[in-house]
Amino acid sequence: MSLPLRRPSRDPDRPAPVLPRGPSGRGRWTGLRAAALGLAALATLGVAEPPAVGPQGLGDRLFPTLGNTGYDVTSYDVSLDYSGHNDRPLNALTEISARATGELDHLNLDFARGAVRSVKIGGLPARHEQHGEDLVLTPAFHISRGQDLKISIAHTSDPGSKSDGGWIRTADGLAMANQADAAHRVFPCNDHPSDKALFTFHITAPRQLTAVANGLPLRSGARAGRRTWTYRTDHPMATELAQVSIGKSSVLLRHGPHGLPIRDVVPTADRASLARWLAKTPGHVSWMERKVGPYPFEAYGVLIANARTGFELETQTLSLFEKAMFTTDQLPAWYVESVMVHELAHQWFGNSVSPRRWSDVWLNEAHATWYESLYAQEKGDHRASLETRMRHAYEQSDGWRAEGGPPAAPKSPSPGEKISIFRPIVYDGSALVLYALRQKIGPAAFDRIEREWVARHRDGVAGTSDFVELASQVAGQDLTAFFQGWLYGERTPPMPGHPQWQPRKAGDKPGAKGATPAPGAKKPAPPPGGPKAAAGNPGKPA
């Protein structure tokens, strides 16, 4: 994701700066849960009703009630029926295939902003209750550990509510923006990146509209003035990366390196004016492959939405962008391209390798910012110097840590603003960690870490401790203490190779003695420190 700079709230709850220890390697989260959830209590005059089960969660430090234990989702099949009016609920059917990882009499899904009409588990009707943003299901039978489940939920999906993620209403339809915790505002799911699954989407819409989704098209069919589009992913995906777009769009097809399908989706009325930007994508993919290895998915493309969002988003195989970023004359071309590369880099870092917990989000944004910065340096002018940008970030880093927490222990989101975890410290403040690592171990070892990271954890999940372990292995030295300071320290450690760099003191201004001016101080200029503001929409809350 790239989005505007926002001033976070001051959160007194700072986690202890201790490197987390956890399992490394690939795979989904499969935490166990106690079987006692559905046991009835014995009463004097008989057997009481089982107690109601409320919201649960995986215990993610930033989103404690997000995700659920007791099962592992293997696939979602989501059918959406769009009336043509983007302020009305869509009729929907979500079918979930999962495997139980514990003994269950109840199970929870994340779901809000829709009415549930019926639920079936294993083909039999199941009871459902809404508890906050949890949908609690009670099957007609006990579920044993290892048992395969088929859950079918008939519901509505409401795009007309407040703009806190999920559906985005565009000028001619809808699109999705589910990061970090909003997929369950569209469809019932286990809404945490540690439980990745395959997806199939069926979208029915008026025939004059075009529907697209993650993955590749399987088929389409028309009947009585309406058309149904079907898309399927070849690789598992986190729920926060799901994308469905419906509108008056054109789908432009071309090929990238190795015959990779490139599918761009743009407002039909703007097809000609946006063509020069879309032509850049195959070259961007080739550039990233030279840096980190083969593109990890079955297709890629750019989805340009006629909407004001305040951010761009790396939805899997089809990154979401505001149209305004490509039509403004306030941003140099190299900067716009670097933002495109930022979202493309996420396909490796954040999408193929997903964070184990949301506190690991620095791994996503540090790498996307890093490759965006490298691309800008190669293609841009004097304002795009990587070293200048990193020095500026170093000077700001202590302030960013005070406001948002250190990179791997970010402060909790501001009340009512879940997306506020995306603060400056997870962008340039975390890319600075990668810069320090390369300074310490050298470019060759750093590049080997990058390639091994995306190869080892492809289609899986990984966390901070996994990265520390891999970096130590490849570098041939224990880097635990190094990462301890850089990822968890309240103050920014000295920069290897640049002893003259100093954090900016309170009251210093850019250009003051000892302070480096922010990149892009002259007009036209990108926002300082990277792709934080969408063109024509600076500072708008996401």
Protein backbone atom coordinates (compact mmCIF):
# COMPACT_ATOMS: atom_id res chain seq x y z
CA MET A 1 0.00 0.00 0.00
CA SER A 2 1.01 3.56 -0.50
CA LEU A 3 -0.96 6.34 1.14
CA PRO A 4 -0.72 9.86 2.57
CA LEU A 5 1.43 10.84 5.48
CA ARG A 6 -0.77 10.93 8.55
CA ARG A 7 0.01 12.08 12.06
CA PRO A 8 -0.62 9.10 14.35
CA SER A 9 -1.95 9.33 17.85
CA ARG A 10 0.44 8.93 20.76
CA ASP A 11 -0.05 5.46 22.18
CA PRO A 12 1.51 4.84 25.62
CA ASP A 13 1.41 1.08 25.07
CA ARG A 14 4.92 0.35 23.77
CA PRO A 15 5.80 -3.34 23.49
CA ALA A 16 8.98 -4.57 25.12
CA PRO A 17 11.87 -4.47 22.61
CA VAL A 18 12.48 -8.19 22.44
CA LEU A 19 12.90 -10.13 19.24
CA PRO A 20 10.00 -12.56 18.87
CA ARG A 21 10.83 -16.22 18.61
CA GLY A 22 8.61 -18.37 16.46
CA PRO A 23 8.64 -21.10 13.87
CA SER A 24 10.22 -20.36 10.53
CA GLY A 25 9.28 -21.73 7.15
CA ARG A 26 6.19 -21.85 5.03
CA GLY A 27 2.59 -22.71 5.67
CA ARG A 28 -0.59 -21.34 7.16
CA TRP A 29 -1.38 -20.59 10.75
CA THR A 30 -3.03 -23.63 12.31
CA GLY A 31 -3.52 -22.70 15.95
CA LEU A 32 -5.56 -25.11 18.06
CA ARG A 33 -8.60 -24.23 20.07
CA ALA A 34 -10.21 -25.93 23.07
CA ALA A 35 -13.12 -28.28 22.48
CA ALA A 36 -15.07 -26.94 25.42
CA LEU A 37 -16.70 -24.12 23.42
CA GLY A 38 -19.91 -26.04 22.85
CA LEU A 39 -20.22 -28.07 26.06
CA ALA A 40 -23.48 -27.66 27.91
CA ALA A 41 -23.43 -26.95 31.63
CA LEU A 42 -25.28 -29.35 33.90
CA ALA A 43 -28.11 -27.74 35.80
CA THR A 44 -30.23 -28.97 38.74
CA LEU A 45 -33.32 -29.50 36.60
CA GLY A 46 -31.67 -30.70 33.42
CA VAL A 47 -29.11 -29.72 30.79
CA ALA A 48 -28.77 -26.02 30.10
CA GLU A 49 -28.42 -24.56 26.63
CA PRO A 50 -24.81 -24.21 25.42
CA PRO A 51 -23.48 -20.76 26.27
CA ALA A 52 -23.32 -18.26 23.42
CA VAL A 53 -19.86 -17.85 21.98
CA GLY A 54 -18.74 -14.30 21.33
CA PRO A 55 -15.94 -12.72 19.31
CA GLN A 56 -12.64 -14.54 19.24
CA GLY A 57 -9.51 -13.75 17.25
CA LEU A 58 -5.99 -14.99 16.71
CA GLY A 59 -4.60 -12.60 19.29
CA ASP A 60 -2.82 -10.40 16.75
CA ARG A 61 -1.29 -7.58 18.81
CA LEU A 62 -2.60 -4.88 16.46
CA PHE A 63 -5.97 -6.50 15.66
CA PRO A 64 -6.77 -8.82 18.59
CA THR A 65 -10.21 -9.95 17.37
CA LEU A 66 -9.22 -10.48 13.74
CA GLY A 67 -9.00 -14.04 12.41
CA ASN A 68 -10.16 -17.22 14.08
CA THR A 69 -8.71 -20.46 15.39
CA GLY A 70 -9.91 -24.02 15.02
CA TYR A 71 -9.80 -24.37 11.25
CA ASP A 72 -7.69 -23.66 8.19
CA VAL A 73 -9.42 -22.30 5.08
CA THR A 74 -8.31 -23.90 1.83
CA SER A 75 -10.60 -22.08 -0.63
CA TYR A 76 -13.30 -19.44 -1.03
CA ASP A 77 -15.95 -19.42 -3.75
CA VAL A 78 -17.72 -16.03 -3.71
CA SER A 79 -20.74 -15.21 -5.91
CA LEU A 80 -21.84 -11.57 -6.13
CA ASP A 81 -24.96 -10.23 -7.87
CA TYR A 82 -24.65 -6.51 -8.68
CA SER A 83 -27.81 -4.59 -9.56
CA GLY A 84 -26.04 -1.74 -11.32
CA HIS A 85 -26.51 0.62 -8.34
CA ASN A 86 -23.40 0.98 -6.20
CA ASP A 87 -25.27 2.18 -3.12
CA ARG A 88 -27.43 -0.93 -2.78
CA PRO A 89 -26.57 -4.26 -1.13
CA LEU A 90 -25.44 -7.08 -3.39
CA ASN A 91 -26.93 -10.54 -3.01
CA ALA A 92 -24.07 -12.94 -2.33
CA LEU A 93 -23.19 -16.55 -1.65
CA THR A 94 -19.87 -17.42 0.00
CA GLU A 95 -18.77 -21.05 0.05
CA ILE A 96 -15.77 -21.90 2.20
CA SER A 97 -13.76 -25.11 2.14
CA ALA A 98 -11.74 -25.65 5.29
CA ARG A 99 -10.13 -28.30 7.47
CA ALA A 100 -10.66 -28.41 11.22
CA THR A 101 -7.52 -28.08 13.33
CA GLY A 102 -9.36 -28.74 16.60
CA GLU A 103 -12.49 -30.28 18.08
CA LEU A 104 -15.35 -27.87 17.34
CA ASP A 105 -18.98 -27.43 18.29
CA HIS A 106 -18.94 -23.77 17.21
CA LEU A 107 -16.77 -21.86 14.78
CA ASN A 108 -16.35 -18.18 14.13
CA LEU A 109 -15.97 -16.23 10.90
CA ASP A 110 -15.20 -12.54 10.53
CA PHE A 111 -18.17 -10.77 8.94
CA ALA A 112 -19.82 -7.35 9.18
CA ARG A 113 -21.87 -5.05 6.97
CA GLY A 114 -24.26 -7.60 5.55
CA ALA A 115 -27.32 -9.64 6.46
CA VAL A 116 -26.96 -13.41 6.75
CA ARG A 117 -29.94 -15.25 5.32
CA SER A 118 -28.93 -18.86 5.83
CA VAL A 119 -25.96 -21.04 6.68
CA LYS A 120 -25.19 -24.66 5.85
CA ILE A 121 -22.29 -26.72 7.12
CA GLY A 122 -21.75 -30.07 5.48
CA GLY A 123 -25.00 -29.56 3.56
CA LEU A 124 -27.07 -29.28 6.75
CA PRO A 125 -28.64 -26.11 8.12
CA ALA A 126 -26.55 -24.46 10.84
CA ARG A 127 -27.43 -21.86 13.42
CA HIS A 128 -25.79 -18.43 13.12
CA GLU A 129 -25.45 -15.51 15.52
CA GLN A 130 -23.81 -12.13 15.04
CA HIS A 131 -21.46 -10.99 17.82
CA GLY A 132 -19.88 -7.68 16.90
CA GLU A 133 -17.89 -8.36 13.74
CA ASP A 134 -17.85 -12.12 14.37
CA LEU A 135 -20.36 -14.50 12.81
CA VAL A 136 -20.68 -17.49 15.17
CA LEU A 137 -21.84 -20.71 13.50
CA THR A 138 -23.22 -23.78 15.27
CA PRO A 139 -23.31 -26.86 13.03
CA ALA A 140 -25.80 -29.69 13.40
CA PHE A 141 -22.98 -32.07 14.33
CA HIS A 142 -19.69 -32.15 16.19
CA ILE A 143 -16.63 -31.35 14.07
CA SER A 144 -13.57 -33.50 14.68
CA ARG A 145 -9.98 -32.43 14.22
CA GLY A 146 -8.83 -33.13 10.66
CA GLN A 147 -12.38 -33.13 9.27
CA ASP A 148 -12.96 -31.38 5.93
CA LEU A 149 -15.70 -28.73 6.04
CA LYS A 150 -17.91 -27.10 3.44
CA ILE A 151 -19.55 -23.93 4.75
CA SER A 152 -22.17 -22.16 2.62
CA ILE A 153 -23.45 -18.71 3.61
CA ALA A 154 -26.19 -16.83 1.77
CA HIS A 155 -25.87 -13.14 2.65
CA THR A 156 -25.84 -9.59 1.39
CA SER A 157 -22.79 -7.37 0.92
CA ASP A 158 -23.44 -3.69 1.56
CA PRO A 159 -21.30 -1.03 -0.18
CA GLY A 160 -23.36 1.87 1.07
CA SER A 161 -21.98 2.29 4.58
CA LYS A 162 -19.18 4.44 5.96
CA SER A 163 -15.83 4.40 4.17
CA ASP A 164 -13.67 2.31 6.49
CA GLY A 165 -12.58 -0.23 3.92
CA GLY A 166 -14.14 -3.00 1.91
CA TRP A 167 -16.15 -1.77 -1.05
CA ILE A 168 -15.12 1.51 -2.70
CA ARG A 169 -17.76 3.27 -4.73
CA THR A 170 -16.28 4.53 -8.00
CA ALA A 171 -17.81 6.93 -10.50
CA ASP A 172 -19.30 4.01 -12.44
CA GLY A 173 -19.39 1.06 -10.05
CA LEU A 174 -17.38 -0.64 -7.34
CA ALA A 175 -13.89 -1.81 -6.42
CA MET A 176 -12.37 -3.33 -3.29
CA ALA A 177 -9.79 -2.09 -0.79
CA ASN A 178 -9.59 -4.59 2.08
CA GLN A 179 -6.28 -3.77 3.76
CA ALA A 180 -5.81 -4.23 6.63
CA ASP A 181 -8.96 -5.68 8.18
CA ALA A 182 -11.86 -5.02 5.80
CA ALA A 183 -12.40 -8.12 3.65
CA HIS A 184 -14.96 -9.29 6.21
CA ARG A 185 -16.94 -6.14 5.42
CA VAL A 186 -17.52 -7.68 1.99
CA PHE A 187 -17.83 -11.44 2.57
CA PRO A 188 -17.55 -13.88 5.52
CA CYS A 189 -13.98 -15.08 5.93
CA ASN A 190 -11.08 -15.83 8.22
CA ASP A 191 -9.78 -12.31 7.77
CA HIS A 192 -6.11 -12.59 8.69
CA PRO A 193 -3.13 -12.82 6.28
CA SER A 194 -1.79 -15.92 8.04
CA ASP A 195 -4.67 -18.02 6.65
CA LYS A 196 -4.22 -17.87 2.89
CA ALA A 197 -6.51 -19.72 0.50
CA LEU A 198 -7.43 -20.13 -3.16
CA PHE A 199 -10.23 -17.91 -4.47
CA THR A 200 -12.93 -18.17 -7.13
CA PHE A 201 -15.21 -15.20 -7.88
CA HIS A 202 -18.47 -15.24 -9.86
CA ILE A 203 -19.75 -11.72 -10.55
CA THR A 204 -23.11 -11.10 -12.21
CA ALA A 205 -23.76 -7.56 -13.44
CA PRO A 206 -25.70 -5.66 -16.12
CA ARG A 207 -24.39 -6.60 -19.53
CA GLN A 208 -23.02 -3.12 -20.32
CA LEU A 209 -20.60 -3.36 -17.39
CA THR A 210 -17.31 -5.22 -17.05
CA ALA A 211 -16.37 -7.24 -13.97
CA VAL A 212 -12.83 -8.29 -13.10
CA ALA A 213 -11.24 -10.04 -10.13
CA ASN A 214 -7.97 -11.57 -8.96
CA GLY A 215 -6.44 -14.35 -11.03
CA LEU A 216 -7.45 -15.26 -14.55
CA PRO A 217 -10.88 -15.50 -16.25
CA LEU A 218 -12.41 -18.94 -16.59
CA ARG A 219 -15.57 -18.14 -18.51
CA SER A 220 -18.42 -15.71 -18.88
CA GLY A 221 -22.02 -16.10 -19.89
CA ALA A 222 -24.91 -13.77 -20.63
CA ARG A 223 -28.62 -14.13 -20.01
CA ALA A 224 -31.53 -11.69 -20.01
CA GLY A 225 -29.38 -8.57 -20.20
CA ARG A 226 -26.94 -9.71 -17.52
CA ARG A 227 -23.52 -11.33 -17.68
CA THR A 228 -21.70 -13.54 -15.21
CA TRP A 229 -17.90 -13.38 -15.05
CA THR A 230 -15.79 -16.06 -13.33
CA TYR A 231 -12.19 -15.66 -12.14
CA ARG A 232 -9.91 -17.99 -10.20
CA THR A 233 -6.50 -17.67 -8.57
CA ASP A 234 -3.76 -20.24 -9.15
CA HIS A 235 -1.98 -19.33 -5.92
CA PRO A 236 -3.23 -18.88 -2.35
CA MET A 237 -4.13 -15.35 -1.33
CA ALA A 238 -4.72 -13.44 1.89
CA THR A 239 -8.24 -12.08 2.26
CA GLU A 240 -6.96 -8.49 2.49
CA LEU A 241 -5.66 -8.79 -1.08
CA ALA A 242 -8.97 -9.75 -2.71
CA GLN A 243 -10.12 -7.52 -5.57
CA VAL A 244 -13.38 -7.24 -7.50
CA SER A 245 -14.05 -4.30 -9.81
CA ILE A 246 -17.33 -3.62 -11.62
CA GLY A 247 -17.83 -0.68 -13.95
CA LYS A 248 -17.68 0.79 -17.43
CA SER A 249 -14.19 -0.53 -17.98
CA SER A 250 -11.93 -1.76 -20.76
CA VAL A 251 -9.67 -4.74 -20.22
CA LEU A 252 -6.39 -4.35 -22.11
CA LEU A 253 -4.31 -7.47 -22.68
CA ARG A 254 -0.62 -7.78 -23.47
CA HIS A 255 2.29 -9.99 -22.49
CA GLY A 256 5.21 -9.43 -20.16
CA PRO A 257 8.42 -11.38 -19.67
CA HIS A 258 8.23 -15.13 -20.37
CA GLY A 259 4.75 -14.68 -21.84
CA LEU A 260 3.26 -13.49 -18.53
CA PRO A 261 -0.34 -12.29 -19.10
CA ILE A 262 -0.59 -8.56 -18.37
CA ARG A 263 -4.19 -7.43 -17.87
CA ASP A 264 -4.88 -3.75 -17.28
CA VAL A 265 -8.35 -2.48 -16.38
CA VAL A 266 -9.17 1.18 -17.01
CA PRO A 267 -12.24 3.39 -17.35
CA THR A 268 -13.21 3.05 -21.01
CA ALA A 269 -13.51 6.82 -21.41
CA ASP A 270 -9.87 7.26 -20.31
CA ARG A 271 -8.34 4.38 -22.25
CA ALA A 272 -6.39 6.54 -24.70
CA SER A 273 -5.04 9.02 -22.16
CA LEU A 274 -3.80 6.27 -19.85
CA ALA A 275 -2.21 4.09 -22.54
CA ARG A 276 1.33 5.44 -22.11
CA TRP A 277 1.36 4.50 -18.44
CA LEU A 278 -0.01 1.02 -19.00
CA ALA A 279 2.71 0.33 -21.56
CA LYS A 280 5.28 0.65 -18.75
CA THR A 281 4.15 -2.44 -16.81
CA PRO A 282 6.02 -5.18 -18.73
CA GLY A 283 9.26 -3.26 -18.27
CA HIS A 284 8.56 -2.86 -14.56
CA VAL A 285 8.05 -6.62 -14.19
CA SER A 286 11.33 -7.31 -16.02
CA TRP A 287 13.13 -4.83 -13.77
CA MET A 288 11.81 -6.48 -10.60
CA GLU A 289 12.68 -9.97 -11.88
CA ARG A 290 16.28 -8.86 -12.37
CA LYS A 291 16.34 -7.76 -8.73
CA VAL A 292 14.62 -10.64 -6.91
CA GLY A 293 13.73 -13.45 -9.30
CA PRO A 294 10.68 -14.71 -11.21
CA TYR A 295 7.32 -13.03 -10.84
CA PRO A 296 5.37 -15.24 -8.39
CA PHE A 297 1.83 -15.32 -9.85
CA GLU A 298 -0.17 -16.28 -12.94
CA ALA A 299 -0.82 -12.72 -14.17
CA TYR A 300 -0.36 -9.06 -13.32
CA GLY A 301 -1.99 -5.79 -14.21
CA VAL A 302 -3.02 -2.32 -13.14
CA LEU A 303 -6.58 -1.47 -12.12
CA ILE A 304 -7.18 2.27 -12.47
CA ALA A 305 -10.29 3.40 -10.61
CA ASN A 306 -12.16 6.65 -11.07
CA ALA A 307 -12.39 7.24 -7.32
CA ARG A 308 -10.71 9.21 -4.55
CA THR A 309 -9.19 6.80 -2.06
CA GLY A 310 -6.07 8.50 -0.72
CA PHE A 311 -3.92 5.42 -1.41
CA GLU A 312 -2.81 2.84 -3.95
CA LEU A 313 -3.10 -0.85 -3.07
CA GLU A 314 -1.28 -4.07 -4.02
CA THR A 315 -4.31 -6.33 -4.50
CA GLN A 316 -2.96 -9.68 -5.75
CA THR A 317 -2.33 -9.88 -9.51
CA LEU A 318 -4.22 -6.58 -10.05
CA SER A 319 -2.94 -3.50 -8.18
CA LEU A 320 -5.41 -0.70 -7.48
CA PHE A 321 -4.56 2.91 -8.41
CA GLU A 322 -6.42 6.21 -8.38
CA LYS A 323 -6.89 7.68 -11.85
CA ALA A 324 -5.81 11.10 -10.56
CA MET A 325 -2.24 9.92 -10.04
CA PHE A 326 -1.85 9.43 -13.80
CA THR A 327 -3.65 12.57 -14.93
CA THR A 328 -2.04 15.23 -12.73
CA ASP A 329 0.76 17.42 -14.03
CA GLN A 330 2.19 17.88 -10.52
CA LEU A 331 4.29 14.70 -10.43
CA PRO A 332 7.32 13.83 -12.58
CA ALA A 333 7.00 10.70 -14.70
CA TRP A 334 9.77 8.86 -12.87
CA TYR A 335 7.94 9.35 -9.59
CA VAL A 336 4.64 8.00 -10.94
CA GLU A 337 6.49 4.96 -12.29
CA SER A 338 8.21 4.43 -8.94
CA VAL A 339 4.78 4.25 -7.26
CA MET A 340 3.74 1.65 -9.84
CA VAL A 341 6.88 -0.33 -8.96
CA HIS A 342 6.08 0.02 -5.25
CA GLU A 343 2.78 -1.86 -5.69
CA LEU A 344 4.35 -4.36 -8.09
CA ALA A 345 7.10 -5.14 -5.56
CA HIS A 346 4.39 -6.08 -3.08
CA GLN A 347 3.45 -9.02 -5.30
CA TRP A 348 6.66 -10.63 -4.00
CA PHE A 349 6.84 -8.90 -0.60
CA GLY A 350 3.49 -9.02 1.19
CA ASN A 351 1.45 -11.03 -1.32
CA SER A 352 3.47 -14.13 -2.21
CA VAL A 353 5.22 -13.90 1.17
CA SER A 354 2.51 -12.70 3.55
CA PRO A 355 3.07 -11.40 7.10
CA ARG A 356 2.56 -13.88 9.94
CA ARG A 357 1.15 -11.08 12.12
CA TRP A 358 0.29 -7.47 11.34
CA SER A 359 3.29 -6.36 13.39
CA ASP A 360 5.34 -7.90 10.56
CA VAL A 361 3.90 -5.38 8.07
CA TRP A 362 7.28 -3.61 8.02
CA LEU A 363 8.51 -6.53 5.88
CA ASN A 364 5.90 -5.65 3.26
CA GLU A 365 6.37 -1.91 3.18
CA ALA A 366 10.13 -1.77 3.75
CA HIS A 367 10.72 -3.88 0.65
CA ALA A 368 8.16 -2.12 -1.53
CA THR A 369 9.64 1.25 -0.53
CA TRP A 370 13.16 -0.08 -1.09
CA TYR A 371 12.53 -1.17 -4.68
CA GLU A 372 10.47 1.91 -5.42
CA SER A 373 13.47 3.98 -4.24
CA LEU A 374 15.96 1.98 -6.30
CA TYR A 375 13.81 2.38 -9.39
CA ALA A 376 13.43 6.11 -8.81
CA GLN A 377 17.21 6.46 -8.46
CA GLU A 378 17.81 4.65 -11.74
CA LYS A 379 15.14 6.52 -13.70
CA GLY A 380 14.89 9.88 -11.94
CA ASP A 381 16.85 13.07 -11.54
CA HIS A 382 18.94 14.45 -8.67
CA ARG A 383 15.92 14.43 -6.37
CA ALA A 384 15.73 10.63 -6.57
CA SER A 385 19.04 9.83 -4.87
CA LEU A 386 18.66 6.76 -2.62
CA GLU A 387 21.36 7.93 -0.23
CA THR A 388 19.76 11.37 0.12
CA ARG A 389 16.39 9.79 0.79
CA MET A 390 17.83 7.40 3.37
CA ARG A 391 19.74 10.19 5.11
CA HIS A 392 16.54 12.19 5.31
CA ALA A 393 14.78 9.13 6.75
CA TYR A 394 17.58 8.66 9.28
CA GLU A 395 17.17 12.23 10.49
CA GLN A 396 13.42 11.72 10.88
CA SER A 397 13.56 8.19 12.30
CA ASP A 398 13.65 9.00 16.02
CA GLY A 399 10.56 11.18 15.63
CA TRP A 400 8.78 8.50 13.62
CA ARG A 401 9.59 5.92 16.30
CA ALA A 402 8.25 8.19 19.01
CA GLU A 403 5.00 8.72 17.11
CA GLY A 404 4.41 5.27 15.63
CA GLY A 405 6.64 2.84 17.50
CA PRO A 406 9.70 1.02 16.11
CA PRO A 407 9.38 -0.77 12.75
CA ALA A 408 8.63 -4.30 14.02
CA ALA A 409 6.56 -3.22 17.04
CA PRO A 410 4.27 -0.51 15.64
CA LYS A 411 1.78 1.18 17.90
CA SER A 412 -1.83 0.10 17.76
CA PRO A 413 -4.08 1.84 15.24
CA SER A 414 -5.74 5.05 16.28
CA PRO A 415 -9.31 4.56 17.57
CA GLY A 416 -11.69 4.21 14.63
CA GLU A 417 -8.83 4.40 12.12
CA LYS A 418 -7.58 0.87 11.54
CA ILE A 419 -5.50 1.92 8.54
CA SER A 420 -3.44 4.25 10.73
CA ILE A 421 -0.92 1.44 11.30
CA PHE A 422 0.50 2.60 7.94
CA ARG A 423 2.63 5.37 9.39
CA PRO A 424 5.94 6.77 8.09
CA ILE A 425 7.91 4.32 10.25
CA VAL A 426 6.66 1.35 8.22
CA TYR A 427 7.61 3.01 4.91
CA ASP A 428 10.88 4.97 4.79
CA GLY A 429 11.54 4.20 8.43
CA SER A 430 11.58 0.48 7.65
CA ALA A 431 13.34 0.81 4.29
CA LEU A 432 16.06 2.44 6.39
CA VAL A 433 16.51 -0.90 8.18
CA LEU A 434 17.21 -2.59 4.84
CA TYR A 435 19.66 0.16 3.94
CA ALA A 436 21.48 -0.36 7.27
CA LEU A 437 21.55 -4.12 6.67
CA ARG A 438 23.13 -3.67 3.24
CA GLN A 439 25.65 -1.24 4.70
CA LYS A 440 26.60 -3.81 7.34
CA ILE A 441 26.86 -7.00 5.24
CA GLY A 442 27.50 -5.65 1.74
CA PRO A 443 25.39 -5.55 -1.44
CA ALA A 444 26.16 -9.12 -2.57
CA ALA A 445 24.98 -10.76 0.66
CA PHE A 446 21.99 -8.42 0.81
CA ASP A 447 20.88 -9.39 -2.69
CA ARG A 448 21.18 -13.09 -1.80
CA ILE A 449 18.92 -12.55 1.22
CA GLU A 450 16.29 -10.86 -0.93
CA ARG A 451 16.18 -13.65 -3.49
CA GLU A 452 16.23 -16.42 -0.90
CA TRP A 453 13.47 -14.77 1.13
CA VAL A 454 10.93 -14.76 -1.72
CA ALA A 455 11.98 -18.21 -2.94
CA ARG A 456 11.92 -19.91 0.46
CA HIS A 457 8.56 -18.52 1.57
CA ARG A 458 6.72 -18.35 -1.76
CA ASP A 459 2.94 -18.81 -1.36
CA GLY A 460 3.42 -18.88 2.41
CA VAL A 461 3.60 -16.71 5.50
CA ALA A 462 6.67 -15.52 7.37
CA GLY A 463 7.53 -13.13 10.15
CA THR A 464 10.27 -10.97 11.55
CA SER A 465 12.10 -13.81 13.30
CA ASP A 466 12.20 -15.70 9.98
CA PHE A 467 13.86 -12.74 8.29
CA VAL A 468 16.40 -12.34 11.10
CA GLU A 469 17.22 -16.05 10.91
CA LEU A 470 17.65 -16.02 7.12
CA ALA A 471 19.75 -12.86 7.12
CA SER A 472 22.08 -14.36 9.75
CA GLN A 473 22.42 -17.58 7.75
CA VAL A 474 23.22 -15.84 4.47
CA ALA A 475 25.54 -13.26 6.03
CA GLY A 476 27.38 -15.91 8.03
CA GLN A 477 27.06 -13.94 11.26
CA ASP A 478 24.56 -13.62 14.09
CA LEU A 479 22.58 -10.47 13.32
CA THR A 480 20.19 -10.75 16.25
CA ALA A 481 21.67 -7.81 18.16
CA PHE A 482 21.79 -5.71 14.99
CA PHE A 483 18.10 -6.26 14.27
CA GLN A 484 17.20 -5.83 17.93
CA GLY A 485 18.22 -2.21 17.82
CA TRP A 486 16.99 -1.41 14.34
CA LEU A 487 13.61 -3.13 14.63
CA TYR A 488 12.72 -2.69 18.29
CA GLY A 489 14.76 0.20 19.67
CA GLU A 490 13.19 3.46 20.79
CA ARG A 491 16.14 5.30 19.28
CA THR A 492 17.67 4.77 15.85
CA PRO A 493 21.09 3.03 16.03
CA PRO A 494 24.20 4.51 14.33
CA MET A 495 24.21 3.96 10.57
CA PRO A 496 26.97 1.58 9.43
CA GLY A 497 29.33 3.39 7.06
CA HIS A 498 27.87 6.83 7.84
CA PRO A 499 29.01 7.83 11.34
CA GLN A 500 28.37 11.48 10.45
CA TRP A 501 24.60 10.91 10.11
CA GLN A 502 22.70 12.27 13.08
CA PRO A 503 19.02 12.13 14.04
CA ARG A 504 17.27 15.45 13.77
CA LYS A 505 16.81 17.16 17.12
CA ALA A 506 13.47 18.56 18.19
CA GLY A 507 12.96 21.92 16.55
CA ASP A 508 15.33 21.28 13.62
CA LYS A 509 13.91 22.09 10.21
CA PRO A 510 14.90 20.76 6.79
CA GLY A 511 17.88 22.73 5.58
CA ALA A 512 19.11 23.56 9.08
CA LYS A 513 22.73 22.83 9.93
CA GLY A 514 23.22 19.09 10.09
CA ALA A 515 19.87 18.39 8.41
CA THR A 516 19.46 17.22 4.82
CA PRO A 517 16.64 18.79 2.79
CA ALA A 518 13.80 16.43 2.03
CA PRO A 519 13.87 14.90 -1.46
CA GLY A 520 11.72 16.80 -3.91
CA ALA A 521 11.82 20.15 -2.15
CA LYS A 522 11.36 21.96 -5.49
CA LYS A 523 8.29 21.90 -7.72
CA PRO A 524 7.14 19.71 -9.34
CA ALA A 525 7.89 17.30 -6.54
CA PRO A 526 6.82 14.00 -5.08
CA PRO A 527 5.80 13.96 -1.44
CA PRO A 528 8.91 13.67 0.77
CA GLY A 529 9.88 10.13 1.59
CA GLY A 530 8.02 8.23 -1.08
CA PRO A 531 4.55 7.45 -2.36
CA LYS A 532 2.52 8.69 0.54
CA ALA A 533 -0.01 10.88 -1.24
CA ALA A 534 -2.23 10.20 -4.21
CA ALA A 535 -2.11 12.87 -6.88
CA GLY A 536 -4.68 15.56 -6.43
CA ASN A 537 -5.56 14.15 -3.03
CA PRO A 538 -2.69 14.88 -0.66
CA GLY A 539 -3.29 14.17 2.97
CA LYS A 540 -6.74 12.65 2.53
CA PRO A 541 -7.31 9.96 5.16
CA ALA A 542 -7.52 6.49 3.67
